[in-house]
Amino acid sequence: MPLNPDPFLPLFTHIRKFVALDDGEAAALTRGLRCKKLKKKDFLLKEGQVCTSNYFVLKGCLRMYFIREDGVEHIIQFAIENWWITDFQSLDWQQSSRFHIQAIETTEVAILDRRTAPTLCARLPQFDHYLRLIVQRAFAAAQQNLFFLYTFSGEERYHHFNDAFPEFVQRIPQYMVASYLGFTPEFISKIKTRRK
């Protein structure tokens, strides 16, 4: 099977679901992006580093998490193909991140650097519009997650996650799903046992 000559094709396909993007504009965008490959457990960002980019998952899966003082990890976001991920606060304010962004499996990302993003957005207004739509959707998803956290029981959160994101449940270890949903892997085992 021939190699894909354009590693950013999944990103362009995703952009075109929201806005028009012709081949010339895609070529201009390509010049402003970088591609990075990560092995399982490699980091894009570690706590204490300053985030300098937005990351679009071309292939693979990432997690964003923090570690409490007692050593317990809490995952706040997953990202698979066609999802964006970043530490918005660190990126915007250029301060140390509180989070880690790590590959759960072999992953390839498109990198949109904060220094090149304003120029690309000025040259490509439709790309700027696309990014605004993505940020709005990310904010809406964060609000929805908080709503579920405060209104759903642990079991309801698990079933909702399982129904809404079956692709995550198939790819992500159970202990990570538990961390994201705010409970222990043993709690998931109990839920599964009750369902049988």
N, C-alpha and C. Protein backbone atom coordinates (compact mmCIF):
# COMPACT_ATOMS: atom_id res chain seq x y z
N MET A 1 0.85 -1.18 0.00
CA MET A 1 0.00 0.00 0.00
C MET A 1 0.89 1.24 0.00
N PRO A 2 0.68 2.22 -0.91
CA PRO A 2 1.54 3.40 -0.96
C PRO A 2 1.33 4.28 0.27
N LEU A 3 2.41 4.97 0.63
CA LEU A 3 2.33 5.90 1.75
C LEU A 3 1.49 7.11 1.35
N ASN A 4 0.78 7.65 2.32
CA ASN A 4 -0.01 8.86 2.08
C ASN A 4 0.95 10.02 1.85
N PRO A 5 0.93 10.65 0.68
CA PRO A 5 1.86 11.74 0.41
C PRO A 5 1.56 12.99 1.24
N ASP A 6 0.36 13.10 1.73
CA ASP A 6 -0.01 14.27 2.52
C ASP A 6 -0.47 13.83 3.90
N PRO A 7 0.44 13.91 4.88
CA PRO A 7 0.06 13.44 6.22
C PRO A 7 -1.08 14.26 6.84
N PHE A 8 -1.32 15.46 6.32
CA PHE A 8 -2.35 16.32 6.89
C PHE A 8 -3.73 16.11 6.28
N LEU A 9 -3.85 15.15 5.37
CA LEU A 9 -5.14 14.90 4.71
C LEU A 9 -6.29 14.70 5.70
N PRO A 10 -6.11 13.93 6.79
CA PRO A 10 -7.22 13.81 7.75
C PRO A 10 -7.66 15.15 8.34
N LEU A 11 -6.71 16.04 8.57
CA LEU A 11 -7.05 17.37 9.09
C LEU A 11 -7.85 18.15 8.05
N PHE A 12 -7.40 18.13 6.80
CA PHE A 12 -8.12 18.87 5.76
C PHE A 12 -9.53 18.31 5.56
N THR A 13 -9.66 17.00 5.63
CA THR A 13 -10.99 16.38 5.53
C THR A 13 -11.88 16.86 6.66
N HIS A 14 -11.31 16.94 7.86
CA HIS A 14 -12.07 17.42 9.03
C HIS A 14 -12.45 18.89 8.86
N ILE A 15 -11.53 19.71 8.42
CA ILE A 15 -11.82 21.14 8.22
C ILE A 15 -12.96 21.30 7.23
N ARG A 16 -12.92 20.51 6.15
CA ARG A 16 -13.93 20.64 5.09
C ARG A 16 -15.32 20.20 5.53
N LYS A 17 -15.43 19.54 6.67
CA LYS A 17 -16.75 19.22 7.22
C LYS A 17 -17.41 20.47 7.80
N PHE A 18 -16.61 21.50 8.07
CA PHE A 18 -17.11 22.72 8.71
C PHE A 18 -17.06 23.94 7.81
N VAL A 19 -15.99 24.05 6.99
CA VAL A 19 -15.81 25.22 6.13
C VAL A 19 -15.21 24.79 4.79
N ALA A 20 -15.31 25.67 3.80
CA ALA A 20 -14.69 25.40 2.50
C ALA A 20 -13.18 25.59 2.60
N LEU A 21 -12.43 24.71 1.96
CA LEU A 21 -10.97 24.81 1.94
C LEU A 21 -10.50 24.23 0.61
N ASP A 22 -9.99 25.11 -0.28
CA ASP A 22 -9.54 24.60 -1.57
C ASP A 22 -8.09 24.09 -1.46
N ASP A 23 -7.60 23.51 -2.55
CA ASP A 23 -6.27 22.89 -2.52
C ASP A 23 -5.16 23.91 -2.27
N GLY A 24 -5.30 25.11 -2.81
CA GLY A 24 -4.30 26.16 -2.57
C GLY A 24 -4.25 26.57 -1.11
N GLU A 25 -5.42 26.68 -0.50
CA GLU A 25 -5.48 27.02 0.92
C GLU A 25 -4.93 25.89 1.78
N ALA A 26 -5.22 24.65 1.37
CA ALA A 26 -4.67 23.50 2.09
C ALA A 26 -3.14 23.50 2.00
N ALA A 27 -2.61 23.85 0.83
CA ALA A 27 -1.15 23.92 0.67
C ALA A 27 -0.56 25.00 1.57
N ALA A 28 -1.23 26.15 1.65
CA ALA A 28 -0.75 27.23 2.53
C ALA A 28 -0.78 26.78 3.99
N LEU A 29 -1.81 26.06 4.34
CA LEU A 29 -1.93 25.56 5.71
C LEU A 29 -0.84 24.54 6.01
N THR A 30 -0.54 23.69 5.04
CA THR A 30 0.51 22.68 5.21
C THR A 30 1.83 23.32 5.57
N ARG A 31 2.13 24.46 4.96
CA ARG A 31 3.40 25.14 5.23
C ARG A 31 3.48 25.67 6.66
N GLY A 32 2.33 25.86 7.30
CA GLY A 32 2.32 26.39 8.66
C GLY A 32 2.17 25.33 9.74
N LEU A 33 2.12 24.06 9.34
CA LEU A 33 1.94 22.97 10.30
C LEU A 33 3.18 22.08 10.37
N ARG A 34 3.29 21.36 11.45
CA ARG A 34 4.32 20.33 11.58
C ARG A 34 3.63 19.02 11.93
N CYS A 35 4.31 17.94 11.67
CA CYS A 35 3.79 16.62 12.00
C CYS A 35 4.76 15.97 12.98
N LYS A 36 4.21 15.25 13.96
CA LYS A 36 5.05 14.57 14.94
C LYS A 36 4.49 13.19 15.20
N LYS A 37 5.39 12.21 15.29
CA LYS A 37 5.00 10.84 15.62
C LYS A 37 5.43 10.55 17.04
N LEU A 38 4.54 9.87 17.77
CA LEU A 38 4.81 9.52 19.16
C LEU A 38 4.65 8.02 19.35
N LYS A 39 5.53 7.46 20.15
CA LYS A 39 5.36 6.06 20.54
C LYS A 39 4.45 6.02 21.77
N LYS A 40 3.91 4.86 22.05
CA LYS A 40 3.08 4.69 23.24
C LYS A 40 3.86 5.18 24.46
N LYS A 41 3.20 5.98 25.28
CA LYS A 41 3.72 6.57 26.52
C LYS A 41 4.62 7.79 26.32
N ASP A 42 4.89 8.19 25.05
CA ASP A 42 5.62 9.44 24.82
C ASP A 42 4.75 10.62 25.22
N PHE A 43 5.39 11.72 25.59
CA PHE A 43 4.68 12.93 26.01
C PHE A 43 4.75 14.02 24.95
N LEU A 44 3.63 14.71 24.75
CA LEU A 44 3.62 15.96 24.00
C LEU A 44 3.87 17.13 24.94
N LEU A 45 3.40 16.98 26.17
CA LEU A 45 3.51 18.04 27.18
C LEU A 45 3.62 17.39 28.54
N LYS A 46 4.48 17.97 29.39
CA LYS A 46 4.58 17.51 30.77
C LYS A 46 4.26 18.66 31.70
N GLU A 47 3.76 18.31 32.88
CA GLU A 47 3.48 19.31 33.91
C GLU A 47 4.74 20.15 34.12
N GLY A 48 4.55 21.47 34.21
CA GLY A 48 5.68 22.37 34.41
C GLY A 48 6.21 22.99 33.12
N GLN A 49 5.96 22.33 31.98
CA GLN A 49 6.36 22.91 30.70
C GLN A 49 5.32 23.93 30.26
N VAL A 50 5.72 24.83 29.38
CA VAL A 50 4.79 25.79 28.80
C VAL A 50 4.29 25.23 27.47
N CYS A 51 2.98 25.17 27.32
CA CYS A 51 2.37 24.66 26.09
C CYS A 51 2.51 25.69 24.98
N THR A 52 2.98 25.26 23.83
CA THR A 52 3.21 26.19 22.72
C THR A 52 2.36 25.88 21.49
N SER A 53 1.52 24.83 21.57
CA SER A 53 0.82 24.40 20.36
C SER A 53 -0.54 23.79 20.64
N ASN A 54 -1.35 23.76 19.59
CA ASN A 54 -2.56 22.94 19.54
C ASN A 54 -2.20 21.68 18.76
N TYR A 55 -2.80 20.56 19.14
CA TYR A 55 -2.48 19.28 18.50
C TYR A 55 -3.75 18.65 17.94
N PHE A 56 -3.67 18.25 16.67
CA PHE A 56 -4.77 17.54 16.02
C PHE A 56 -4.32 16.10 15.82
N VAL A 57 -5.11 15.15 16.30
CA VAL A 57 -4.74 13.74 16.21
C VAL A 57 -5.04 13.22 14.80
N LEU A 58 -3.99 12.92 14.06
CA LEU A 58 -4.12 12.35 12.72
C LEU A 58 -4.35 10.84 12.82
N LYS A 59 -3.67 10.24 13.80
CA LYS A 59 -3.77 8.79 14.02
C LYS A 59 -3.36 8.53 15.46
N GLY A 60 -4.11 7.66 16.15
CA GLY A 60 -3.72 7.28 17.50
C GLY A 60 -4.65 7.82 18.57
N CYS A 61 -4.12 7.89 19.79
CA CYS A 61 -4.93 8.28 20.94
C CYS A 61 -4.05 8.93 22.01
N LEU A 62 -4.53 10.04 22.56
CA LEU A 62 -3.83 10.78 23.61
C LEU A 62 -4.70 10.90 24.84
N ARG A 63 -4.06 11.18 25.96
CA ARG A 63 -4.80 11.51 27.18
C ARG A 63 -4.16 12.75 27.79
N MET A 64 -4.99 13.55 28.44
CA MET A 64 -4.53 14.73 29.18
C MET A 64 -4.89 14.49 30.64
N TYR A 65 -3.91 14.62 31.53
CA TYR A 65 -4.17 14.30 32.93
C TYR A 65 -3.30 15.12 33.86
N PHE A 66 -3.68 15.12 35.13
CA PHE A 66 -2.84 15.71 36.17
C PHE A 66 -2.67 14.69 37.28
N ILE A 67 -1.66 14.91 38.11
CA ILE A 67 -1.38 14.01 39.22
C ILE A 67 -1.53 14.80 40.52
N ARG A 68 -2.42 14.31 41.38
CA ARG A 68 -2.61 14.95 42.68
C ARG A 68 -1.38 14.76 43.55
N GLU A 69 -1.33 15.51 44.65
CA GLU A 69 -0.21 15.40 45.59
C GLU A 69 -0.07 14.00 46.16
N ASP A 70 -1.18 13.28 46.28
CA ASP A 70 -1.13 11.91 46.82
C ASP A 70 -0.76 10.87 45.75
N GLY A 71 -0.43 11.34 44.54
CA GLY A 71 0.01 10.45 43.47
C GLY A 71 -1.08 9.88 42.59
N VAL A 72 -2.33 10.23 42.86
CA VAL A 72 -3.45 9.72 42.06
C VAL A 72 -3.58 10.53 40.77
N GLU A 73 -3.67 9.82 39.64
CA GLU A 73 -3.85 10.47 38.34
C GLU A 73 -5.33 10.73 38.08
N HIS A 74 -5.62 11.88 37.47
CA HIS A 74 -6.98 12.20 37.05
C HIS A 74 -6.94 12.63 35.59
N ILE A 75 -7.58 11.84 34.74
CA ILE A 75 -7.63 12.15 33.31
C ILE A 75 -8.78 13.12 33.07
N ILE A 76 -8.48 14.21 32.35
CA ILE A 76 -9.53 15.19 32.07
C ILE A 76 -9.97 15.18 30.61
N GLN A 77 -9.17 14.54 29.73
CA GLN A 77 -9.56 14.50 28.32
C GLN A 77 -8.85 13.36 27.61
N PHE A 78 -9.55 12.78 26.66
CA PHE A 78 -8.97 11.86 25.69
C PHE A 78 -9.08 12.52 24.33
N ALA A 79 -8.23 12.12 23.40
CA ALA A 79 -8.33 12.60 22.02
C ALA A 79 -7.94 11.47 21.09
N ILE A 80 -8.82 11.15 20.16
CA ILE A 80 -8.53 10.16 19.12
C ILE A 80 -8.54 10.88 17.77
N GLU A 81 -8.49 10.12 16.69
CA GLU A 81 -8.46 10.70 15.36
C GLU A 81 -9.54 11.78 15.19
N ASN A 82 -9.12 12.89 14.60
CA ASN A 82 -9.99 14.03 14.29
C ASN A 82 -10.39 14.85 15.52
N TRP A 83 -9.67 14.70 16.62
CA TRP A 83 -9.90 15.51 17.81
C TRP A 83 -8.68 16.41 18.02
N TRP A 84 -8.95 17.59 18.55
CA TRP A 84 -7.90 18.53 18.96
C TRP A 84 -7.68 18.39 20.46
N ILE A 85 -6.45 18.70 20.89
CA ILE A 85 -6.14 18.70 22.31
C ILE A 85 -5.04 19.72 22.58
N THR A 86 -5.15 20.41 23.70
CA THR A 86 -4.12 21.34 24.16
C THR A 86 -4.42 21.73 25.59
N ASP A 87 -3.48 22.39 26.23
CA ASP A 87 -3.72 23.03 27.52
C ASP A 87 -3.99 24.50 27.20
N PHE A 88 -5.26 24.86 27.11
CA PHE A 88 -5.63 26.21 26.69
C PHE A 88 -5.04 27.29 27.60
N GLN A 89 -5.06 27.07 28.91
CA GLN A 89 -4.57 28.08 29.83
C GLN A 89 -3.07 28.30 29.66
N SER A 90 -2.31 27.23 29.61
CA SER A 90 -0.87 27.36 29.43
C SER A 90 -0.54 27.97 28.07
N LEU A 91 -1.25 27.55 27.04
CA LEU A 91 -1.03 28.07 25.69
C LEU A 91 -1.34 29.55 25.61
N ASP A 92 -2.47 29.96 26.15
CA ASP A 92 -2.91 31.35 26.05
C ASP A 92 -2.07 32.27 26.93
N TRP A 93 -1.83 31.87 28.16
CA TRP A 93 -1.12 32.74 29.11
C TRP A 93 0.39 32.50 29.14
N GLN A 94 0.84 31.50 28.41
CA GLN A 94 2.26 31.13 28.39
C GLN A 94 2.83 30.95 29.80
N GLN A 95 2.10 30.15 30.57
CA GLN A 95 2.53 29.80 31.91
C GLN A 95 2.70 28.28 32.00
N SER A 96 3.35 27.84 33.06
CA SER A 96 3.59 26.40 33.24
C SER A 96 2.28 25.62 33.26
N SER A 97 2.31 24.49 32.60
CA SER A 97 1.13 23.64 32.55
C SER A 97 0.97 22.84 33.83
N ARG A 98 -0.27 22.57 34.18
CA ARG A 98 -0.58 21.67 35.30
C ARG A 98 -0.80 20.24 34.80
N PHE A 99 -0.75 20.06 33.49
CA PHE A 99 -1.16 18.80 32.89
C PHE A 99 -0.04 18.11 32.11
N HIS A 100 -0.27 16.83 31.89
CA HIS A 100 0.54 16.01 30.99
C HIS A 100 -0.36 15.67 29.80
N ILE A 101 0.21 15.65 28.60
CA ILE A 101 -0.47 15.10 27.43
C ILE A 101 0.41 13.97 26.93
N GLN A 102 -0.14 12.75 26.93
CA GLN A 102 0.64 11.55 26.69
C GLN A 102 -0.07 10.64 25.68
N ALA A 103 0.74 9.96 24.87
CA ALA A 103 0.20 8.99 23.91
C ALA A 103 -0.19 7.70 24.62
N ILE A 104 -1.41 7.25 24.38
CA ILE A 104 -1.88 5.97 24.92
C ILE A 104 -1.48 4.83 23.98
N GLU A 105 -1.32 5.16 22.71
CA GLU A 105 -0.88 4.21 21.69
C GLU A 105 -0.03 4.99 20.69
N THR A 106 0.58 4.30 19.74
CA THR A 106 1.35 4.99 18.71
C THR A 106 0.46 6.05 18.07
N THR A 107 0.96 7.27 18.02
CA THR A 107 0.12 8.40 17.63
C THR A 107 0.88 9.33 16.69
N GLU A 108 0.13 9.96 15.80
CA GLU A 108 0.68 10.98 14.91
C GLU A 108 -0.20 12.22 15.03
N VAL A 109 0.43 13.38 15.23
CA VAL A 109 -0.33 14.62 15.40
C VAL A 109 0.13 15.69 14.42
N ALA A 110 -0.80 16.55 14.05
CA ALA A 110 -0.48 17.79 13.35
C ALA A 110 -0.33 18.85 14.43
N ILE A 111 0.72 19.65 14.32
CA ILE A 111 1.01 20.66 15.33
C ILE A 111 0.79 22.05 14.75
N LEU A 112 -0.08 22.80 15.41
CA LEU A 112 -0.33 24.19 15.06
C LEU A 112 0.32 25.04 16.15
N ASP A 113 1.46 25.62 15.84
CA ASP A 113 2.23 26.41 16.81
C ASP A 113 1.57 27.77 17.04
N ARG A 114 1.62 28.25 18.27
CA ARG A 114 0.98 29.52 18.62
C ARG A 114 1.61 30.70 17.88
N ARG A 115 2.87 30.58 17.45
CA ARG A 115 3.52 31.68 16.73
C ARG A 115 3.05 31.77 15.28
N THR A 116 2.71 30.62 14.68
CA THR A 116 2.28 30.64 13.28
C THR A 116 0.76 30.73 13.13
N ALA A 117 0.03 30.38 14.18
CA ALA A 117 -1.44 30.36 14.10
C ALA A 117 -2.04 31.72 13.70
N PRO A 118 -1.60 32.85 14.31
CA PRO A 118 -2.22 34.13 13.93
C PRO A 118 -2.03 34.47 12.45
N THR A 119 -0.85 34.17 11.90
CA THR A 119 -0.59 34.44 10.48
C THR A 119 -1.48 33.57 9.60
N LEU A 120 -1.58 32.29 9.94
CA LEU A 120 -2.43 31.39 9.17
C LEU A 120 -3.89 31.83 9.22
N CYS A 121 -4.34 32.23 10.40
CA CYS A 121 -5.74 32.66 10.54
C CYS A 121 -6.01 33.96 9.78
N ALA A 122 -5.03 34.85 9.74
CA ALA A 122 -5.19 36.10 8.99
C ALA A 122 -5.23 35.83 7.49
N ARG A 123 -4.40 34.90 7.02
CA ARG A 123 -4.37 34.57 5.59
C ARG A 123 -5.54 33.71 5.16
N LEU A 124 -6.03 32.89 6.09
CA LEU A 124 -7.09 31.94 5.78
C LEU A 124 -8.26 32.14 6.73
N PRO A 125 -9.12 33.12 6.45
CA PRO A 125 -10.24 33.41 7.36
C PRO A 125 -11.14 32.21 7.63
N GLN A 126 -11.29 31.32 6.66
CA GLN A 126 -12.12 30.14 6.87
C GLN A 126 -11.48 29.19 7.88
N PHE A 127 -10.15 29.14 7.92
CA PHE A 127 -9.46 28.33 8.92
C PHE A 127 -9.65 28.95 10.31
N ASP A 128 -9.60 30.26 10.38
CA ASP A 128 -9.88 30.96 11.64
C ASP A 128 -11.29 30.63 12.12
N HIS A 129 -12.25 30.65 11.20
CA HIS A 129 -13.64 30.32 11.55
C HIS A 129 -13.73 28.88 12.04
N TYR A 130 -13.05 27.98 11.35
CA TYR A 130 -13.02 26.56 11.76
C TYR A 130 -12.49 26.42 13.19
N LEU A 131 -11.37 27.08 13.49
CA LEU A 131 -10.79 26.98 14.84
C LEU A 131 -11.75 27.51 15.90
N ARG A 132 -12.44 28.59 15.58
CA ARG A 132 -13.42 29.14 16.54
C ARG A 132 -14.55 28.13 16.80
N LEU A 133 -15.01 27.47 15.75
CA LEU A 133 -16.04 26.44 15.92
C LEU A 133 -15.54 25.29 16.80
N ILE A 134 -14.30 24.89 16.60
CA ILE A 134 -13.72 23.79 17.38
C ILE A 134 -13.60 24.19 18.85
N VAL A 135 -13.16 25.41 19.11
CA VAL A 135 -13.04 25.87 20.51
C VAL A 135 -14.43 25.95 21.15
N GLN A 136 -15.42 26.43 20.41
CA GLN A 136 -16.79 26.49 20.95
C GLN A 136 -17.29 25.09 21.30
N ARG A 137 -17.01 24.13 20.43
CA ARG A 137 -17.44 22.75 20.70
C ARG A 137 -16.70 22.17 21.90
N ALA A 138 -15.42 22.50 22.03
CA ALA A 138 -14.66 22.01 23.19
C ALA A 138 -15.22 22.59 24.48
N PHE A 139 -15.57 23.87 24.45
CA PHE A 139 -16.13 24.51 25.64
C PHE A 139 -17.49 23.90 25.98
N ALA A 140 -18.31 23.67 24.96
CA ALA A 140 -19.62 23.04 25.19
C ALA A 140 -19.46 21.64 25.77
N ALA A 141 -18.48 20.89 25.27
CA ALA A 141 -18.23 19.53 25.80
C ALA A 141 -17.78 19.60 27.26
N ALA A 142 -16.94 20.58 27.59
CA ALA A 142 -16.50 20.73 28.99
C ALA A 142 -17.68 21.05 29.90
N GLN A 143 -18.58 21.92 29.43
CA GLN A 143 -19.78 22.24 30.22
C GLN A 143 -20.64 20.99 30.41
N GLN A 144 -20.80 20.23 29.35
CA GLN A 144 -21.61 19.01 29.42
C GLN A 144 -20.99 18.01 30.40
N ASN A 145 -19.66 17.87 30.36
CA ASN A 145 -18.99 16.96 31.29
C ASN A 145 -19.21 17.37 32.74
N LEU A 146 -19.15 18.67 33.02
CA LEU A 146 -19.41 19.14 34.38
C LEU A 146 -20.85 18.85 34.79
N PHE A 147 -21.78 19.05 33.86
CA PHE A 147 -23.18 18.75 34.15
C PHE A 147 -23.35 17.28 34.52
N PHE A 148 -22.74 16.39 33.71
CA PHE A 148 -22.84 14.96 34.00
C PHE A 148 -22.19 14.61 35.33
N LEU A 149 -21.06 15.25 35.63
CA LEU A 149 -20.36 14.98 36.88
C LEU A 149 -21.24 15.29 38.09
N TYR A 150 -21.99 16.39 38.00
CA TYR A 150 -22.79 16.83 39.15
C TYR A 150 -24.20 16.25 39.18
N THR A 151 -24.69 15.72 38.06
CA THR A 151 -26.08 15.26 38.04
C THR A 151 -26.24 13.75 37.85
N PHE A 152 -25.24 13.08 37.30
CA PHE A 152 -25.33 11.64 37.06
C PHE A 152 -24.64 10.87 38.18
N SER A 153 -25.16 9.72 38.49
CA SER A 153 -24.46 8.81 39.41
C SER A 153 -23.24 8.25 38.67
N GLY A 154 -22.34 7.62 39.39
CA GLY A 154 -21.18 7.00 38.76
C GLY A 154 -21.58 6.00 37.70
N GLU A 155 -22.58 5.19 38.01
CA GLU A 155 -23.04 4.19 37.05
C GLU A 155 -23.65 4.85 35.82
N GLU A 156 -24.41 5.91 36.01
CA GLU A 156 -24.99 6.64 34.86
C GLU A 156 -23.89 7.26 34.00
N ARG A 157 -22.85 7.81 34.63
CA ARG A 157 -21.73 8.38 33.87
C ARG A 157 -21.05 7.30 33.03
N TYR A 158 -20.86 6.14 33.62
CA TYR A 158 -20.21 5.05 32.89
C TYR A 158 -21.05 4.63 31.68
N HIS A 159 -22.34 4.42 31.88
CA HIS A 159 -23.20 3.99 30.77
C HIS A 159 -23.28 5.08 29.69
N HIS A 160 -23.36 6.33 30.11
CA HIS A 160 -23.39 7.42 29.13
C HIS A 160 -22.10 7.42 28.30
N PHE A 161 -20.95 7.33 28.98
CA PHE A 161 -19.66 7.33 28.28
C PHE A 161 -19.58 6.13 27.34
N ASN A 162 -19.97 4.98 27.82
CA ASN A 162 -19.93 3.75 27.03
C ASN A 162 -20.81 3.86 25.79
N ASP A 163 -22.00 4.45 25.93
CA ASP A 163 -22.92 4.60 24.81
C ASP A 163 -22.48 5.70 23.84
N ALA A 164 -21.98 6.82 24.39
CA ALA A 164 -21.62 7.96 23.55
C ALA A 164 -20.27 7.78 22.85
N PHE A 165 -19.36 7.04 23.48
CA PHE A 165 -18.00 6.92 22.94
C PHE A 165 -17.52 5.46 22.93
N PRO A 166 -18.21 4.59 22.20
CA PRO A 166 -17.80 3.18 22.20
C PRO A 166 -16.37 2.98 21.69
N GLU A 167 -15.92 3.88 20.79
CA GLU A 167 -14.56 3.74 20.25
C GLU A 167 -13.51 3.94 21.34
N PHE A 168 -13.80 4.77 22.34
CA PHE A 168 -12.87 4.96 23.45
C PHE A 168 -12.83 3.71 24.33
N VAL A 169 -13.99 3.17 24.62
CA VAL A 169 -14.09 2.01 25.51
C VAL A 169 -13.32 0.83 24.91
N GLN A 170 -13.31 0.72 23.58
CA GLN A 170 -12.61 -0.38 22.92
C GLN A 170 -11.09 -0.20 22.95
N ARG A 171 -10.63 1.05 22.98
CA ARG A 171 -9.20 1.33 22.81
C ARG A 171 -8.47 1.69 24.10
N ILE A 172 -9.20 2.15 25.09
CA ILE A 172 -8.57 2.71 26.29
C ILE A 172 -8.67 1.73 27.45
N PRO A 173 -7.57 1.54 28.17
CA PRO A 173 -7.62 0.63 29.33
C PRO A 173 -8.69 1.05 30.34
N GLN A 174 -9.28 0.06 30.97
CA GLN A 174 -10.38 0.30 31.92
C GLN A 174 -9.98 1.25 33.04
N TYR A 175 -8.74 1.16 33.54
CA TYR A 175 -8.34 2.03 34.63
C TYR A 175 -8.29 3.50 34.20
N MET A 176 -8.02 3.74 32.91
CA MET A 176 -8.02 5.12 32.41
C MET A 176 -9.45 5.64 32.26
N VAL A 177 -10.35 4.80 31.79
CA VAL A 177 -11.76 5.19 31.70
C VAL A 177 -12.27 5.54 33.10
N ALA A 178 -11.91 4.71 34.09
CA ALA A 178 -12.31 4.97 35.47
C ALA A 178 -11.76 6.30 35.96
N SER A 179 -10.49 6.59 35.67
CA SER A 179 -9.89 7.85 36.09
C SER A 179 -10.63 9.04 35.48
N TYR A 180 -10.96 8.92 34.20
CA TYR A 180 -11.68 10.00 33.52
C TYR A 180 -13.07 10.23 34.13
N LEU A 181 -13.74 9.15 34.48
CA LEU A 181 -15.10 9.25 35.00
C LEU A 181 -15.15 9.52 36.51
N GLY A 182 -13.99 9.48 37.16
CA GLY A 182 -13.93 9.86 38.57
C GLY A 182 -14.20 8.74 39.55
N PHE A 183 -13.88 7.50 39.17
CA PHE A 183 -14.00 6.41 40.13
C PHE A 183 -12.94 5.35 39.87
N THR A 184 -12.98 4.25 40.62
CA THR A 184 -11.95 3.23 40.54
C THR A 184 -12.28 2.18 39.48
N PRO A 185 -11.26 1.46 38.99
CA PRO A 185 -11.52 0.35 38.06
C PRO A 185 -12.42 -0.71 38.67
N GLU A 186 -12.32 -0.90 39.99
CA GLU A 186 -13.16 -1.88 40.67
C GLU A 186 -14.64 -1.52 40.54
N PHE A 187 -14.94 -0.22 40.55
CA PHE A 187 -16.32 0.24 40.40
C PHE A 187 -16.86 -0.17 39.03
N ILE A 188 -16.03 -0.04 37.98
CA ILE A 188 -16.45 -0.46 36.64
C ILE A 188 -16.72 -1.96 36.63
N SER A 189 -15.85 -2.72 37.28
CA SER A 189 -16.05 -4.18 37.35
C SER A 189 -17.38 -4.52 37.99
N LYS A 190 -17.74 -3.81 39.06
CA LYS A 190 -19.03 -4.04 39.72
C LYS A 190 -20.20 -3.73 38.79
N ILE A 191 -20.07 -2.62 38.05
CA ILE A 191 -21.13 -2.25 37.10
C ILE A 191 -21.30 -3.35 36.04
N LYS A 192 -20.18 -3.82 35.51
CA LYS A 192 -20.24 -4.86 34.47
C LYS A 192 -20.84 -6.15 35.03
N THR A 193 -20.51 -6.48 36.27
CA THR A 193 -21.05 -7.68 36.90
C THR A 193 -22.56 -7.58 37.06
N ARG A 194 -23.04 -6.40 37.46
CA ARG A 194 -24.49 -6.20 37.63
C ARG A 194 -25.23 -6.31 36.31
N ARG A 195 -24.58 -5.93 35.21
CA ARG A 195 -25.24 -5.95 33.90
C ARG A 195 -25.41 -7.36 33.36
N LYS A 196 -24.60 -8.29 33.84
CA LYS A 196 -24.65 -9.67 33.30
C LYS A 196 -25.89 -10.40 33.72
